Amino acid sequence: MKAETRAKWQARIEAWQASGKSCREFARASGLSPNSLSWWKWKLGSLETPAGPEFVEVTEDFMAAALPEFADEPSIEVLVGSALIRVRGAVDPDALTRVLDVLEARR
């Protein structure tokens, strides 16, 4: 797929979603086929492969080098999509689980 074709249809899909109109209403007002509009929405969505959580081993040496002001304080960093969760000190496992569940559901 050509980048310009993808960009053109991505812009159309974003305009449709921002309009609050149904697929049929937006397509009709824009001179597009509702079938093409919905197919491209599916196609562009299927090209996006969600990345799973990434885990990085955080050692005391790493923390001391990266964040000297927190060298003596334990911490956890979790990347979920574009959100970076950094927790320093004691961690309530249930609270962290709830935060990660909410972030995962929003992706």
PDB file of N, CA and C in Angstrom:
ATOM      1  N   MET A   1       0.840  -1.167   0.000  1.00  0.00           N
ATOM      2  CA  MET A   1       0.000   0.000   0.000  1.00  0.00           C
ATOM      3  C   MET A   1       0.891   1.237   0.000  1.00  0.00           C
ATOM      4  N   LYS A   2       0.576   2.183  -0.866  1.00  0.00           N
ATOM      5  CA  LYS A   2       1.354   3.411  -0.940  1.00  0.00           C
ATOM      6  C   LYS A   2       1.094   4.267   0.292  1.00  0.00           C
ATOM      7  N   ALA A   3       2.144   4.934   0.746  1.00  0.00           N
ATOM      8  CA  ALA A   3       2.033   5.765   1.944  1.00  0.00           C
ATOM      9  C   ALA A   3       1.020   6.886   1.749  1.00  0.00           C
ATOM     10  N   GLU A   4       0.979   7.470   0.551  1.00  0.00           N
ATOM     11  CA  GLU A   4       0.038   8.577   0.332  1.00  0.00           C
ATOM     12  C   GLU A   4      -1.407   8.087   0.340  1.00  0.00           C
ATOM     13  N   THR A   5      -1.655   6.886  -0.178  1.00  0.00           N
ATOM     14  CA  THR A   5      -3.006   6.318  -0.146  1.00  0.00           C
ATOM     15  C   THR A   5      -3.417   6.056   1.295  1.00  0.00           C
ATOM     16  N   ARG A   6      -2.515   5.461   2.048  1.00  0.00           N
ATOM     17  CA  ARG A   6      -2.801   5.186   3.457  1.00  0.00           C
ATOM     18  C   ARG A   6      -3.073   6.483   4.206  1.00  0.00           C
ATOM     19  N   ALA A   7      -2.242   7.491   3.998  1.00  0.00           N
ATOM     20  CA  ALA A   7      -2.410   8.772   4.692  1.00  0.00           C
ATOM     21  C   ALA A   7      -3.732   9.432   4.317  1.00  0.00           C
ATOM     22  N   LYS A   8      -4.103   9.363   3.047  1.00  0.00           N
ATOM     23  CA  LYS A   8      -5.349   9.972   2.585  1.00  0.00           C
ATOM     24  C   LYS A   8      -6.541   9.310   3.274  1.00  0.00           C
ATOM     25  N   TRP A   9      -6.562   7.979   3.297  1.00  0.00           N
ATOM     26  CA  TRP A   9      -7.682   7.276   3.909  1.00  0.00           C
ATOM     27  C   TRP A   9      -7.662   7.404   5.426  1.00  0.00           C
ATOM     28  N   GLN A  10      -6.487   7.451   6.014  1.00  0.00           N
ATOM     29  CA  GLN A  10      -6.394   7.650   7.467  1.00  0.00           C
ATOM     30  C   GLN A  10      -7.006   8.998   7.837  1.00  0.00           C
ATOM     31  N   ALA A  11      -6.714  10.033   7.041  1.00  0.00           N
ATOM     32  CA  ALA A  11      -7.286  11.360   7.294  1.00  0.00           C
ATOM     33  C   ALA A  11      -8.807  11.325   7.149  1.00  0.00           C
ATOM     34  N   ARG A  12      -9.303  10.613   6.161  1.00  0.00           N
ATOM     35  CA  ARG A  12     -10.754  10.505   5.973  1.00  0.00           C
ATOM     36  C   ARG A  12     -11.414   9.790   7.151  1.00  0.00           C
ATOM     37  N   ILE A  13     -10.787   8.716   7.616  1.00  0.00           N
ATOM     38  CA  ILE A  13     -11.328   7.963   8.750  1.00  0.00           C
ATOM     39  C   ILE A  13     -11.354   8.846   9.996  1.00  0.00           C
ATOM     40  N   GLU A  14     -10.280   9.583  10.229  1.00  0.00           N
ATOM     41  CA  GLU A  14     -10.216  10.464  11.400  1.00  0.00           C
ATOM     42  C   GLU A  14     -11.272  11.559  11.313  1.00  0.00           C
ATOM     43  N   ALA A  15     -11.473  12.121  10.107  1.00  0.00           N
ATOM     44  CA  ALA A  15     -12.506  13.146   9.927  1.00  0.00           C
ATOM     45  C   ALA A  15     -13.889  12.558  10.189  1.00  0.00           C
ATOM     46  N   TRP A  16     -14.128  11.351   9.700  1.00  0.00           N
ATOM     47  CA  TRP A  16     -15.409  10.675   9.934  1.00  0.00           C
ATOM     48  C   TRP A  16     -15.643  10.482  11.425  1.00  0.00           C
ATOM     49  N   GLN A  17     -14.648   9.962  12.142  1.00  0.00           N
ATOM     50  CA  GLN A  17     -14.808   9.698  13.566  1.00  0.00           C
ATOM     51  C   GLN A  17     -15.011  10.989  14.353  1.00  0.00           C
ATOM     52  N   ALA A  18     -14.333  12.052  13.933  1.00  0.00           N
ATOM     53  CA  ALA A  18     -14.484  13.334  14.617  1.00  0.00           C
ATOM     54  C   ALA A  18     -15.840  13.973  14.340  1.00  0.00           C
ATOM     55  N   SER A  19     -16.452  13.617  13.216  1.00  0.00           N
ATOM     56  CA  SER A  19     -17.723  14.235  12.825  1.00  0.00           C
ATOM     57  C   SER A  19     -18.900  13.773  13.682  1.00  0.00           C
ATOM     58  N   GLY A  20     -18.804  12.580  14.244  1.00  0.00           N
ATOM     59  CA  GLY A  20     -19.917  12.038  15.007  1.00  0.00           C
ATOM     60  C   GLY A  20     -21.039  11.492  14.133  1.00  0.00           C
ATOM     61  N   LYS A  21     -20.837  11.515  12.822  1.00  0.00           N
ATOM     62  CA  LYS A  21     -21.849  11.015  11.892  1.00  0.00           C
ATOM     63  C   LYS A  21     -21.683   9.512  11.696  1.00  0.00           C
ATOM     64  N   SER A  22     -22.747   8.901  11.206  1.00  0.00           N
ATOM     65  CA  SER A  22     -22.658   7.484  10.860  1.00  0.00           C
ATOM     66  C   SER A  22     -21.796   7.357   9.604  1.00  0.00           C
ATOM     67  N   CYS A  23     -21.375   6.147   9.335  1.00  0.00           N
ATOM     68  CA  CYS A  23     -20.573   5.888   8.142  1.00  0.00           C
ATOM     69  C   CYS A  23     -21.318   6.349   6.895  1.00  0.00           C
ATOM     70  N   ARG A  24     -22.579   5.964   6.799  1.00  0.00           N
ATOM     71  CA  ARG A  24     -23.387   6.298   5.625  1.00  0.00           C
ATOM     72  C   ARG A  24     -23.551   7.815   5.479  1.00  0.00           C
ATOM     73  N   GLU A  25     -23.834   8.510   6.587  1.00  0.00           N
ATOM     74  CA  GLU A  25     -24.009   9.974   6.532  1.00  0.00           C
ATOM     75  C   GLU A  25     -22.728  10.670   6.100  1.00  0.00           C
ATOM     76  N   PHE A  26     -21.616  10.276   6.726  1.00  0.00           N
ATOM     77  CA  PHE A  26     -20.348  10.921   6.403  1.00  0.00           C
ATOM     78  C   PHE A  26     -19.943  10.639   4.958  1.00  0.00           C
ATOM     79  N   ALA A  27     -20.088   9.390   4.539  1.00  0.00           N
ATOM     80  CA  ALA A  27     -19.709   9.021   3.169  1.00  0.00           C
ATOM     81  C   ALA A  27     -20.533   9.803   2.160  1.00  0.00           C
ATOM     82  N   ARG A  28     -21.823   9.873   2.381  1.00  0.00           N
ATOM     83  CA  ARG A  28     -22.708  10.585   1.459  1.00  0.00           C
ATOM     84  C   ARG A  28     -22.307  12.059   1.373  1.00  0.00           C
ATOM     85  N   ALA A  29     -22.051  12.699   2.514  1.00  0.00           N
ATOM     86  CA  ALA A  29     -21.680  14.117   2.543  1.00  0.00           C
ATOM     87  C   ALA A  29     -20.307  14.362   1.918  1.00  0.00           C
ATOM     88  N   SER A  30     -19.449  13.353   1.923  1.00  0.00           N
ATOM     89  CA  SER A  30     -18.083  13.502   1.404  1.00  0.00           C
ATOM     90  C   SER A  30     -17.911  12.968  -0.009  1.00  0.00           C
ATOM     91  N   GLY A  31     -18.978  12.420  -0.573  1.00  0.00           N
ATOM     92  CA  GLY A  31     -18.882  11.858  -1.919  1.00  0.00           C
ATOM     93  C   GLY A  31     -18.117  10.552  -1.971  1.00  0.00           C
ATOM     94  N   LEU A  32     -18.158   9.802  -0.870  1.00  0.00           N
ATOM     95  CA  LEU A  32     -17.452   8.516  -0.793  1.00  0.00           C
ATOM     96  C   LEU A  32     -18.456   7.376  -0.724  1.00  0.00           C
ATOM     97  N   SER A  33     -17.989   6.200  -1.010  1.00  0.00           N
ATOM     98  CA  SER A  33     -18.808   5.000  -0.853  1.00  0.00           C
ATOM     99  C   SER A  33     -18.753   4.570   0.615  1.00  0.00           C
ATOM    100  N   PRO A  34     -19.897   4.335   1.246  1.00  0.00           N
ATOM    101  CA  PRO A  34     -19.878   3.837   2.629  1.00  0.00           C
ATOM    102  C   PRO A  34     -19.111   2.524   2.761  1.00  0.00           C
ATOM    103  N   ASN A  35     -19.210   1.675   1.738  1.00  0.00           N
ATOM    104  CA  ASN A  35     -18.476   0.407   1.776  1.00  0.00           C
ATOM    105  C   ASN A  35     -16.971   0.640   1.773  1.00  0.00           C
ATOM    106  N   SER A  36     -16.512   1.576   0.946  1.00  0.00           N
ATOM    107  CA  SER A  36     -15.070   1.879   0.901  1.00  0.00           C
ATOM    108  C   SER A  36     -14.603   2.459   2.225  1.00  0.00           C
ATOM    109  N   LEU A  37     -15.411   3.363   2.785  1.00  0.00           N
ATOM    110  CA  LEU A  37     -15.041   3.995   4.041  1.00  0.00           C
ATOM    111  C   LEU A  37     -14.914   2.958   5.163  1.00  0.00           C
ATOM    112  N   SER A  38     -15.885   2.085   5.272  1.00  0.00           N
ATOM    113  CA  SER A  38     -15.821   1.077   6.337  1.00  0.00           C
ATOM    114  C   SER A  38     -14.712   0.055   6.066  1.00  0.00           C
ATOM    115  N   TRP A  39     -14.466  -0.281   4.800  1.00  0.00           N
ATOM    116  CA  TRP A  39     -13.392  -1.225   4.496  1.00  0.00           C
ATOM    117  C   TRP A  39     -12.036  -0.631   4.883  1.00  0.00           C
ATOM    118  N   TRP A  40     -11.818   0.644   4.547  1.00  0.00           N
ATOM    119  CA  TRP A  40     -10.546   1.270   4.893  1.00  0.00           C
ATOM    120  C   TRP A  40     -10.376   1.405   6.398  1.00  0.00           C
ATOM    121  N   LYS A  41     -11.452   1.649   7.118  1.00  0.00           N
ATOM    122  CA  LYS A  41     -11.359   1.698   8.575  1.00  0.00           C
ATOM    123  C   LYS A  41     -10.887   0.339   9.096  1.00  0.00           C
ATOM    124  N   TRP A  42     -11.476  -0.718   8.579  1.00  0.00           N
ATOM    125  CA  TRP A  42     -11.058  -2.067   8.972  1.00  0.00           C
ATOM    126  C   TRP A  42      -9.604  -2.324   8.570  1.00  0.00           C
ATOM    127  N   LYS A  43      -9.270  -1.992   7.318  1.00  0.00           N
ATOM    128  CA  LYS A  43      -7.933  -2.263   6.788  1.00  0.00           C
ATOM    129  C   LYS A  43      -6.864  -1.539   7.593  1.00  0.00           C
ATOM    130  N   LEU A  44      -7.050  -0.258   7.851  1.00  0.00           N
ATOM    131  CA  LEU A  44      -6.047   0.503   8.592  1.00  0.00           C
ATOM    132  C   LEU A  44      -5.959   0.032  10.034  1.00  0.00           C
ATOM    133  N   GLY A  45      -7.086  -0.367  10.612  1.00  0.00           N
ATOM    134  CA  GLY A  45      -7.068  -0.896  11.975  1.00  0.00           C
ATOM    135  C   GLY A  45      -6.359  -2.231  12.054  1.00  0.00           C
ATOM    136  N   SER A  46      -6.486  -3.049  10.999  1.00  0.00           N
ATOM    137  CA  SER A  46      -5.855  -4.366  11.025  1.00  0.00           C
ATOM    138  C   SER A  46      -4.339  -4.277  10.822  1.00  0.00           C
ATOM    139  N   LEU A  47      -3.855  -3.149  10.286  1.00  0.00           N
ATOM    140  CA  LEU A  47      -2.413  -2.979  10.092  1.00  0.00           C
ATOM    141  C   LEU A  47      -1.701  -2.611  11.385  1.00  0.00           C
ATOM    142  N   GLU A  48      -2.474  -2.089  12.343  1.00  0.00           N
ATOM    143  CA  GLU A  48      -1.887  -1.708  13.619  1.00  0.00           C
ATOM    144  C   GLU A  48      -1.850  -2.934  14.522  1.00  0.00           C
ATOM    145  N   THR A  49      -0.666  -3.389  14.809  1.00  0.00           N
ATOM    146  CA  THR A  49      -0.533  -4.536  15.707  1.00  0.00           C
ATOM    147  C   THR A  49      -0.167  -4.013  17.082  1.00  0.00           C
ATOM    148  N   PRO A  50      -1.040  -4.206  18.048  1.00  0.00           N
ATOM    149  CA  PRO A  50      -0.752  -3.675  19.373  1.00  0.00           C
ATOM    150  C   PRO A  50       0.456  -4.369  19.985  1.00  0.00           C
ATOM    151  N   ALA A  51       1.302  -3.567  20.556  1.00  0.00           N
ATOM    152  CA  ALA A  51       2.485  -4.109  21.217  1.00  0.00           C
ATOM    153  C   ALA A  51       2.097  -4.532  22.623  1.00  0.00           C
ATOM    154  N   GLY A  52       2.600  -5.655  23.039  1.00  0.00           N
ATOM    155  CA  GLY A  52       2.344  -6.111  24.392  1.00  0.00           C
ATOM    156  C   GLY A  52       3.222  -5.346  25.369  1.00  0.00           C
ATOM    157  N   PRO A  53       2.986  -5.534  26.630  1.00  0.00           N
ATOM    158  CA  PRO A  53       3.824  -4.860  27.624  1.00  0.00           C
ATOM    159  C   PRO A  53       5.282  -5.278  27.467  1.00  0.00           C
ATOM    160  N   GLU A  54       6.163  -4.334  27.675  1.00  0.00           N
ATOM    161  CA  GLU A  54       7.588  -4.619  27.610  1.00  0.00           C
ATOM    162  C   GLU A  54       8.146  -4.587  29.029  1.00  0.00           C
ATOM    163  N   PHE A  55       8.932  -5.574  29.359  1.00  0.00           N
ATOM    164  CA  PHE A  55       9.510  -5.653  30.681  1.00  0.00           C
ATOM    165  C   PHE A  55      11.019  -5.513  30.579  1.00  0.00           C
ATOM    166  N   VAL A  56      11.563  -4.706  31.455  1.00  0.00           N
ATOM    167  CA  VAL A  56      12.994  -4.474  31.491  1.00  0.00           C
ATOM    168  C   VAL A  56      13.472  -4.767  32.901  1.00  0.00           C
ATOM    169  N   GLU A  57      14.531  -5.536  32.997  1.00  0.00           N
ATOM    170  CA  GLU A  57      15.080  -5.816  34.311  1.00  0.00           C
ATOM    171  C   GLU A  57      15.739  -4.554  34.841  1.00  0.00           C
ATOM    172  N   VAL A  58      15.314  -4.134  36.013  1.00  0.00           N
ATOM    173  CA  VAL A  58      15.867  -2.938  36.626  1.00  0.00           C
ATOM    174  C   VAL A  58      16.727  -3.387  37.798  1.00  0.00           C
ATOM    175  N   THR A  59      18.009  -3.176  37.660  1.00  0.00           N
ATOM    176  CA  THR A  59      18.938  -3.574  38.718  1.00  0.00           C
ATOM    177  C   THR A  59      19.338  -2.346  39.526  1.00  0.00           C
ATOM    178  N   GLU A  60      19.935  -2.583  40.670  1.00  0.00           N
ATOM    179  CA  GLU A  60      20.393  -1.469  41.498  1.00  0.00           C
ATOM    180  C   GLU A  60      21.424  -0.633  40.745  1.00  0.00           C
ATOM    181  N   ASP A  61      22.327  -1.276  39.995  1.00  0.00           N
ATOM    182  CA  ASP A  61      23.334  -0.541  39.234  1.00  0.00           C
ATOM    183  C   ASP A  61      22.684   0.346  38.184  1.00  0.00           C
ATOM    184  N   PHE A  62      21.665  -0.177  37.507  1.00  0.00           N
ATOM    185  CA  PHE A  62      20.952   0.598  36.487  1.00  0.00           C
ATOM    186  C   PHE A  62      20.301   1.824  37.123  1.00  0.00           C
ATOM    187  N   MET A  63      19.598   1.621  38.242  1.00  0.00           N
ATOM    188  CA  MET A  63      18.911   2.727  38.904  1.00  0.00           C
ATOM    189  C   MET A  63      19.894   3.785  39.384  1.00  0.00           C
ATOM    190  N   ALA A  64      21.008   3.362  39.943  1.00  0.00           N
ATOM    191  CA  ALA A  64      21.992   4.316  40.443  1.00  0.00           C
ATOM    192  C   ALA A  64      22.557   5.163  39.316  1.00  0.00           C
ATOM    193  N   ALA A  65      22.759   4.554  38.144  1.00  0.00           N
ATOM    194  CA  ALA A  65      23.301   5.289  37.005  1.00  0.00           C
ATOM    195  C   ALA A  65      22.244   6.183  36.361  1.00  0.00           C
ATOM    196  N   ALA A  66      21.029   5.685  36.224  1.00  0.00           N
ATOM    197  CA  ALA A  66      19.983   6.423  35.515  1.00  0.00           C
ATOM    198  C   ALA A  66      19.369   7.525  36.366  1.00  0.00           C
ATOM    199  N   LEU A  67      19.131   7.237  37.626  1.00  0.00           N
ATOM    200  CA  LEU A  67      18.466   8.194  38.514  1.00  0.00           C
ATOM    201  C   LEU A  67      19.194   8.239  39.853  1.00  0.00           C
ATOM    202  N   PRO A  68      20.318   8.931  39.907  1.00  0.00           N
ATOM    203  CA  PRO A  68      21.109   8.906  41.141  1.00  0.00           C
ATOM    204  C   PRO A  68      20.343   9.390  42.366  1.00  0.00           C
ATOM    205  N   GLU A  69      19.383  10.313  42.172  1.00  0.00           N
ATOM    206  CA  GLU A  69      18.640  10.819  43.327  1.00  0.00           C
ATOM    207  C   GLU A  69      17.727   9.766  43.947  1.00  0.00           C
ATOM    208  N   PHE A  70      17.447   8.699  43.201  1.00  0.00           N
ATOM    209  CA  PHE A  70      16.598   7.626  43.704  1.00  0.00           C
ATOM    210  C   PHE A  70      17.374   6.311  43.830  1.00  0.00           C
ATOM    211  N   ALA A  71      18.653   6.388  43.950  1.00  0.00           N
ATOM    212  CA  ALA A  71      19.489   5.184  43.945  1.00  0.00           C
ATOM    213  C   ALA A  71      19.142   4.222  45.073  1.00  0.00           C
ATOM    214  N   ASP A  72      18.725   4.747  46.219  1.00  0.00           N
ATOM    215  CA  ASP A  72      18.433   3.878  47.359  1.00  0.00           C
ATOM    216  C   ASP A  72      16.964   3.480  47.441  1.00  0.00           C
ATOM    217  N   GLU A  73      16.144   3.950  46.516  1.00  0.00           N
ATOM    218  CA  GLU A  73      14.708   3.691  46.564  1.00  0.00           C
ATOM    219  C   GLU A  73      14.321   2.702  45.469  1.00  0.00           C
ATOM    220  N   PRO A  74      13.659   1.585  45.817  1.00  0.00           N
ATOM    221  CA  PRO A  74      13.254   0.625  44.786  1.00  0.00           C
ATOM    222  C   PRO A  74      12.211   1.239  43.856  1.00  0.00           C
ATOM    223  N   SER A  75      12.209   0.792  42.615  1.00  0.00           N
ATOM    224  CA  SER A  75      11.215   1.307  41.677  1.00  0.00           C
ATOM    225  C   SER A  75      10.890   0.269  40.621  1.00  0.00           C
ATOM    226  N   ILE A  76       9.715   0.472  39.994  1.00  0.00           N
ATOM    227  CA  ILE A  76       9.251  -0.384  38.902  1.00  0.00           C
ATOM    228  C   ILE A  76       8.843   0.540  37.769  1.00  0.00           C
ATOM    229  N   GLU A  77       9.206   0.194  36.540  1.00  0.00           N
ATOM    230  CA  GLU A  77       8.752   0.923  35.366  1.00  0.00           C
ATOM    231  C   GLU A  77       8.081  -0.058  34.424  1.00  0.00           C
ATOM    232  N   VAL A  78       6.886   0.308  33.949  1.00  0.00           N
ATOM    233  CA  VAL A  78       6.130  -0.535  33.026  1.00  0.00           C
ATOM    234  C   VAL A  78       5.670   0.341  31.883  1.00  0.00           C
ATOM    235  N   LEU A  79       5.913  -0.099  30.656  1.00  0.00           N
ATOM    236  CA  LEU A  79       5.483   0.615  29.471  1.00  0.00           C
ATOM    237  C   LEU A  79       4.279  -0.109  28.890  1.00  0.00           C
ATOM    238  N   VAL A  80       3.128   0.582  28.829  1.00  0.00           N
ATOM    239  CA  VAL A  80       1.898   0.034  28.252  1.00  0.00           C
ATOM    240  C   VAL A  80       1.493   0.980  27.128  1.00  0.00           C
ATOM    241  N   GLY A  81       1.686   0.539  25.878  1.00  0.00           N
ATOM    242  CA  GLY A  81       1.431   1.438  24.746  1.00  0.00           C
ATOM    243  C   GLY A  81       2.367   2.624  24.834  1.00  0.00           C
ATOM    244  N   SER A  82       1.813   3.824  24.886  1.00  0.00           N
ATOM    245  CA  SER A  82       2.641   5.017  24.995  1.00  0.00           C
ATOM    246  C   SER A  82       2.710   5.532  26.428  1.00  0.00           C
ATOM    247  N   ALA A  83       2.107   4.816  27.360  1.00  0.00           N
ATOM    248  CA  ALA A  83       2.105   5.246  28.764  1.00  0.00           C
ATOM    249  C   ALA A  83       3.225   4.565  29.534  1.00  0.00           C
ATOM    250  N   LEU A  84       4.015   5.355  30.215  1.00  0.00           N
ATOM    251  CA  LEU A  84       5.084   4.833  31.063  1.00  0.00           C
ATOM    252  C   LEU A  84       4.643   4.993  32.512  1.00  0.00           C
ATOM    253  N   ILE A  85       4.569   3.887  33.222  1.00  0.00           N
ATOM    254  CA  ILE A  85       4.200   3.895  34.638  1.00  0.00           C
ATOM    255  C   ILE A  85       5.484   3.728  35.427  1.00  0.00           C
ATOM    256  N   ARG A  86       5.795   4.689  36.279  1.00  0.00           N
ATOM    257  CA  ARG A  86       6.981   4.591  37.121  1.00  0.00           C
ATOM    258  C   ARG A  86       6.507   4.639  38.568  1.00  0.00           C
ATOM    259  N   VAL A  87       6.794   3.583  39.313  1.00  0.00           N
ATOM    260  CA  VAL A  87       6.382   3.488  40.702  1.00  0.00           C
ATOM    261  C   VAL A  87       7.640   3.377  41.545  1.00  0.00           C
ATOM    262  N   ARG A  88       7.765   4.267  42.512  1.00  0.00           N
ATOM    263  CA  ARG A  88       8.920   4.234  43.406  1.00  0.00           C
ATOM    264  C   ARG A  88       8.450   3.858  44.799  1.00  0.00           C
ATOM    265  N   GLY A  89       9.264   3.124  45.497  1.00  0.00           N
ATOM    266  CA  GLY A  89       8.924   2.739  46.856  1.00  0.00           C
ATOM    267  C   GLY A  89       8.052   1.502  46.874  1.00  0.00           C
ATOM    268  N   ALA A  90       7.327   1.334  47.977  1.00  0.00           N
ATOM    269  CA  ALA A  90       6.468   0.162  48.145  1.00  0.00           C
ATOM    270  C   ALA A  90       5.330   0.209  47.131  1.00  0.00           C
ATOM    271  N   VAL A  91       4.967  -0.951  46.597  1.00  0.00           N
ATOM    272  CA  VAL A  91       3.927  -1.046  45.578  1.00  0.00           C
ATOM    273  C   VAL A  91       2.800  -1.924  46.094  1.00  0.00           C
ATOM    274  N   ASP A  92       1.578  -1.407  45.987  1.00  0.00           N
ATOM    275  CA  ASP A  92       0.397  -2.210  46.301  1.00  0.00           C
ATOM    276  C   ASP A  92       0.069  -2.997  45.037  1.00  0.00           C
ATOM    277  N   PRO A  93       0.265  -4.316  45.035  1.00  0.00           N
ATOM    278  CA  PRO A  93       0.054  -5.104  43.818  1.00  0.00           C
ATOM    279  C   PRO A  93      -1.354  -4.977  43.239  1.00  0.00           C
ATOM    280  N   ASP A  94      -2.365  -4.895  44.094  1.00  0.00           N
ATOM    281  CA  ASP A  94      -3.745  -4.771  43.609  1.00  0.00           C
ATOM    282  C   ASP A  94      -3.964  -3.435  42.907  1.00  0.00           C
ATOM    283  N   ALA A  95      -3.427  -2.362  43.472  1.00  0.00           N
ATOM    284  CA  ALA A  95      -3.584  -1.040  42.859  1.00  0.00           C
ATOM    285  C   ALA A  95      -2.861  -0.986  41.519  1.00  0.00           C
ATOM    286  N   LEU A  96      -1.657  -1.532  41.458  1.00  0.00           N
ATOM    287  CA  LEU A  96      -0.909  -1.539  40.202  1.00  0.00           C
ATOM    288  C   LEU A  96      -1.633  -2.378  39.151  1.00  0.00           C
ATOM    289  N   THR A  97      -2.193  -3.492  39.552  1.00  0.00           N
ATOM    290  CA  THR A  97      -2.956  -4.336  38.627  1.00  0.00           C
ATOM    291  C   THR A  97      -4.142  -3.578  38.056  1.00  0.00           C
ATOM    292  N   ARG A  98      -4.855  -2.829  38.905  1.00  0.00           N
ATOM    293  CA  ARG A  98      -6.011  -2.053  38.423  1.00  0.00           C
ATOM    294  C   ARG A  98      -5.578  -0.980  37.431  1.00  0.00           C
ATOM    295  N   VAL A  99      -4.478  -0.297  37.710  1.00  0.00           N
ATOM    296  CA  VAL A  99      -3.977   0.732  36.797  1.00  0.00           C
ATOM    297  C   VAL A  99      -3.614   0.121  35.453  1.00  0.00           C
ATOM    298  N   LEU A 100      -2.907  -0.997  35.463  1.00  0.00           N
ATOM    299  CA  LEU A 100      -2.509  -1.658  34.216  1.00  0.00           C
ATOM    300  C   LEU A 100      -3.725  -2.163  33.443  1.00  0.00           C
ATOM    301  N   ASP A 101      -4.738  -2.675  34.136  1.00  0.00           N
ATOM    302  CA  ASP A 101      -5.965  -3.130  33.477  1.00  0.00           C
ATOM    303  C   ASP A 101      -6.671  -1.978  32.765  1.00  0.00           C
ATOM    304  N   VAL A 102      -6.738  -0.829  33.418  1.00  0.00           N
ATOM    305  CA  VAL A 102      -7.387   0.351  32.812  1.00  0.00           C
ATOM    306  C   VAL A 102      -6.609   0.786  31.570  1.00  0.00           C
ATOM    307  N   LEU A 103      -5.295   0.862  31.678  1.00  0.00           N
ATOM    308  CA  LEU A 103      -4.487   1.270  30.521  1.00  0.00           C
ATOM    309  C   LEU A 103      -4.609   0.290  29.371  1.00  0.00           C
ATOM    310  N   GLU A 104      -4.595  -0.981  29.663  1.00  0.00           N
ATOM    311  CA  GLU A 104      -4.705  -2.003  28.622  1.00  0.00           C
ATOM    312  C   GLU A 104      -6.065  -1.913  27.932  1.00  0.00           C
ATOM    313  N   ALA A 105      -7.111  -1.640  28.695  1.00  0.00           N
ATOM    314  CA  ALA A 105      -8.466  -1.544  28.111  1.00  0.00           C
ATOM    315  C   ALA A 105      -8.601  -0.338  27.199  1.00  0.00           C
ATOM    316  N   ARG A 106      -7.820   0.704  27.423  1.00  0.00           N
ATOM    317  CA  ARG A 106      -7.897   1.922  26.606  1.00  0.00           C
ATOM    318  C   ARG A 106      -7.112   1.821  25.319  1.00  0.00           C
ATOM    319  N   ARG A 107      -6.303   0.793  25.136  1.00  0.00           N
ATOM    320  CA  ARG A 107      -5.493   0.674  23.921  1.00  0.00           C
ATOM    321  C   ARG A 107      -6.341   0.232  22.777  1.00  0.00           C
TER     322      ARG A 107
END
